[in-house]
Amino acid sequence: MKTFHLISKELAARWGVRETTLSQWRWFGKGPPFLKLGTLVLYRMKEIKRFEDLARQHLNNDSNHEVLSQIRLENKEEEHNRMSP
């Protein structure tokens, strides 16, 4: 199975925001989950799409806290399922 990623510059272009905005979101724990390898920041397409889908459902919400909580919960469940025999 191949996993696709976007770098910060690509995600910023996709969403029409600055890379500094994504950086601030990472610092404050907002935005989609990311993977940091040294100075390289990657976002999994799966997580980007999930974040976008959940964000559409919460358009009237000023904070994406609920969206992030849901994504993190699903990630933990997926990880637990992978680790279970």
C-alpha atoms as a PDB file:
ATOM      1  CA  MET A   1       0.000   0.000   0.000  1.00  0.00           C
ATOM      2  CA  LYS A   2       1.395   3.366  -0.988  1.00  0.00           C
ATOM      3  CA  THR A   3       0.934   6.364   1.301  1.00  0.00           C
ATOM      4  CA  PHE A   4       0.767   9.825  -0.219  1.00  0.00           C
ATOM      5  CA  HIS A   5       1.934  12.958   1.590  1.00  0.00           C
ATOM      6  CA  LEU A   6       1.980  16.693   1.038  1.00  0.00           C
ATOM      7  CA  ILE A   7       4.684  18.998   2.330  1.00  0.00           C
ATOM      8  CA  SER A   8       3.692  22.257   4.062  1.00  0.00           C
ATOM      9  CA  LYS A   9       4.121  24.298   0.884  1.00  0.00           C
ATOM     10  CA  GLU A  10       1.765  22.003  -1.035  1.00  0.00           C
ATOM     11  CA  LEU A  11      -0.869  21.959   1.700  1.00  0.00           C
ATOM     12  CA  ALA A  12      -0.684  25.740   2.052  1.00  0.00           C
ATOM     13  CA  ALA A  13      -1.310  26.078  -1.699  1.00  0.00           C
ATOM     14  CA  ARG A  14      -4.182  23.564  -1.562  1.00  0.00           C
ATOM     15  CA  TRP A  15      -5.930  25.537   1.181  1.00  0.00           C
ATOM     16  CA  GLY A  16      -4.880  29.021   0.107  1.00  0.00           C
ATOM     17  CA  VAL A  17      -3.094  29.803   3.367  1.00  0.00           C
ATOM     18  CA  ARG A  18       0.486  30.738   4.177  1.00  0.00           C
ATOM     19  CA  GLU A  19       3.000  28.165   5.320  1.00  0.00           C
ATOM     20  CA  THR A  20       3.405  30.241   8.482  1.00  0.00           C
ATOM     21  CA  THR A  21      -0.266  29.641   9.222  1.00  0.00           C
ATOM     22  CA  LEU A  22       0.290  25.883   9.085  1.00  0.00           C
ATOM     23  CA  SER A  23       3.355  26.326  11.294  1.00  0.00           C
ATOM     24  CA  GLN A  24       1.303  28.239  13.851  1.00  0.00           C
ATOM     25  CA  TRP A  25      -1.429  25.598  13.751  1.00  0.00           C
ATOM     26  CA  ARG A  26       1.177  22.912  14.460  1.00  0.00           C
ATOM     27  CA  TRP A  27       2.540  24.941  17.382  1.00  0.00           C
ATOM     28  CA  PHE A  28      -0.939  25.420  18.891  1.00  0.00           C
ATOM     29  CA  GLY A  29      -2.093  21.862  18.150  1.00  0.00           C
ATOM     30  CA  LYS A  30      -4.570  22.869  15.440  1.00  0.00           C
ATOM     31  CA  GLY A  31      -4.829  21.674  11.874  1.00  0.00           C
ATOM     32  CA  PRO A  32      -4.427  18.129  10.614  1.00  0.00           C
ATOM     33  CA  PRO A  33      -2.015  15.644  12.180  1.00  0.00           C
ATOM     34  CA  PHE A  34       1.508  15.823  10.740  1.00  0.00           C
ATOM     35  CA  LEU A  35       4.761  13.932  10.692  1.00  0.00           C
ATOM     36  CA  LYS A  36       8.028  15.742  11.298  1.00  0.00           C
ATOM     37  CA  LEU A  37      11.288  14.210  10.093  1.00  0.00           C
ATOM     38  CA  GLY A  38      14.093  16.575  10.986  1.00  0.00           C
ATOM     39  CA  THR A  39      13.042  19.839   9.352  1.00  0.00           C
ATOM     40  CA  LEU A  40      10.676  18.140   6.891  1.00  0.00           C
ATOM     41  CA  VAL A  41       6.973  18.327   7.775  1.00  0.00           C
ATOM     42  CA  LEU A  42       4.633  15.893   6.019  1.00  0.00           C
ATOM     43  CA  TYR A  43       0.867  15.623   6.023  1.00  0.00           C
ATOM     44  CA  ARG A  44      -0.735  12.320   5.025  1.00  0.00           C
ATOM     45  CA  MET A  45      -3.388  12.730   2.335  1.00  0.00           C
ATOM     46  CA  LYS A  46      -5.641  10.447   4.341  1.00  0.00           C
ATOM     47  CA  GLU A  47      -5.448  12.852   7.302  1.00  0.00           C
ATOM     48  CA  ILE A  48      -5.865  15.929   5.104  1.00  0.00           C
ATOM     49  CA  LYS A  49      -9.027  14.540   3.526  1.00  0.00           C
ATOM     50  CA  ARG A  50     -10.396  13.439   6.895  1.00  0.00           C
ATOM     51  CA  PHE A  51      -9.695  16.889   8.346  1.00  0.00           C
ATOM     52  CA  GLU A  52     -11.386  18.565   5.361  1.00  0.00           C
ATOM     53  CA  ASP A  53     -14.429  16.293   5.619  1.00  0.00           C
ATOM     54  CA  LEU A  54     -14.821  16.883   9.343  1.00  0.00           C
ATOM     55  CA  ALA A  55     -14.192  20.623   8.952  1.00  0.00           C
ATOM     56  CA  ARG A  56     -17.064  20.827   6.443  1.00  0.00           C
ATOM     57  CA  GLN A  57     -19.343  19.339   9.080  1.00  0.00           C
ATOM     58  CA  HIS A  58     -18.286  21.979  11.617  1.00  0.00           C
ATOM     59  CA  LEU A  59     -18.238  25.119   9.479  1.00  0.00           C
ATOM     60  CA  ASN A  60     -20.067  27.162  12.104  1.00  0.00           C
ATOM     61  CA  ASN A  61     -17.601  26.208  14.825  1.00  0.00           C
ATOM     62  CA  ASP A  62     -14.918  28.860  15.536  1.00  0.00           C
ATOM     63  CA  SER A  63     -12.451  26.227  16.728  1.00  0.00           C
ATOM     64  CA  ASN A  64     -11.411  22.990  15.094  1.00  0.00           C
ATOM     65  CA  HIS A  65     -10.925  21.373  18.520  1.00  0.00           C
ATOM     66  CA  GLU A  66     -13.804  18.939  17.971  1.00  0.00           C
ATOM     67  CA  VAL A  67     -12.477  18.007  14.550  1.00  0.00           C
ATOM     68  CA  LEU A  68      -8.975  17.382  15.900  1.00  0.00           C
ATOM     69  CA  SER A  69     -10.296  15.358  18.819  1.00  0.00           C
ATOM     70  CA  GLN A  70     -12.277  13.152  16.459  1.00  0.00           C
ATOM     71  CA  ILE A  71      -9.274  12.625  14.154  1.00  0.00           C
ATOM     72  CA  ARG A  72      -6.977  11.813  17.073  1.00  0.00           C
ATOM     73  CA  LEU A  73      -9.515   9.362  18.514  1.00  0.00           C
ATOM     74  CA  GLU A  74      -9.849   7.605  15.163  1.00  0.00           C
ATOM     75  CA  ASN A  75      -6.050   7.501  14.789  1.00  0.00           C
ATOM     76  CA  LYS A  76      -5.684   5.913  18.226  1.00  0.00           C
ATOM     77  CA  GLU A  77      -8.346   3.339  17.359  1.00  0.00           C
ATOM     78  CA  GLU A  78      -6.621   2.506  14.062  1.00  0.00           C
ATOM     79  CA  GLU A  79      -3.248   2.170  15.808  1.00  0.00           C
ATOM     80  CA  HIS A  80      -4.762  -0.036  18.496  1.00  0.00           C
ATOM     81  CA  ASN A  81      -6.382  -2.245  15.848  1.00  0.00           C
ATOM     82  CA  ARG A  82      -3.061  -2.599  13.997  1.00  0.00           C
ATOM     83  CA  MET A  83      -1.262  -3.607  17.195  1.00  0.00           C
ATOM     84  CA  SER A  84      -3.915  -6.102  18.321  1.00  0.00           C
ATOM     85  CA  PRO A  85      -3.340  -9.743  17.362  1.00  0.00           C
END
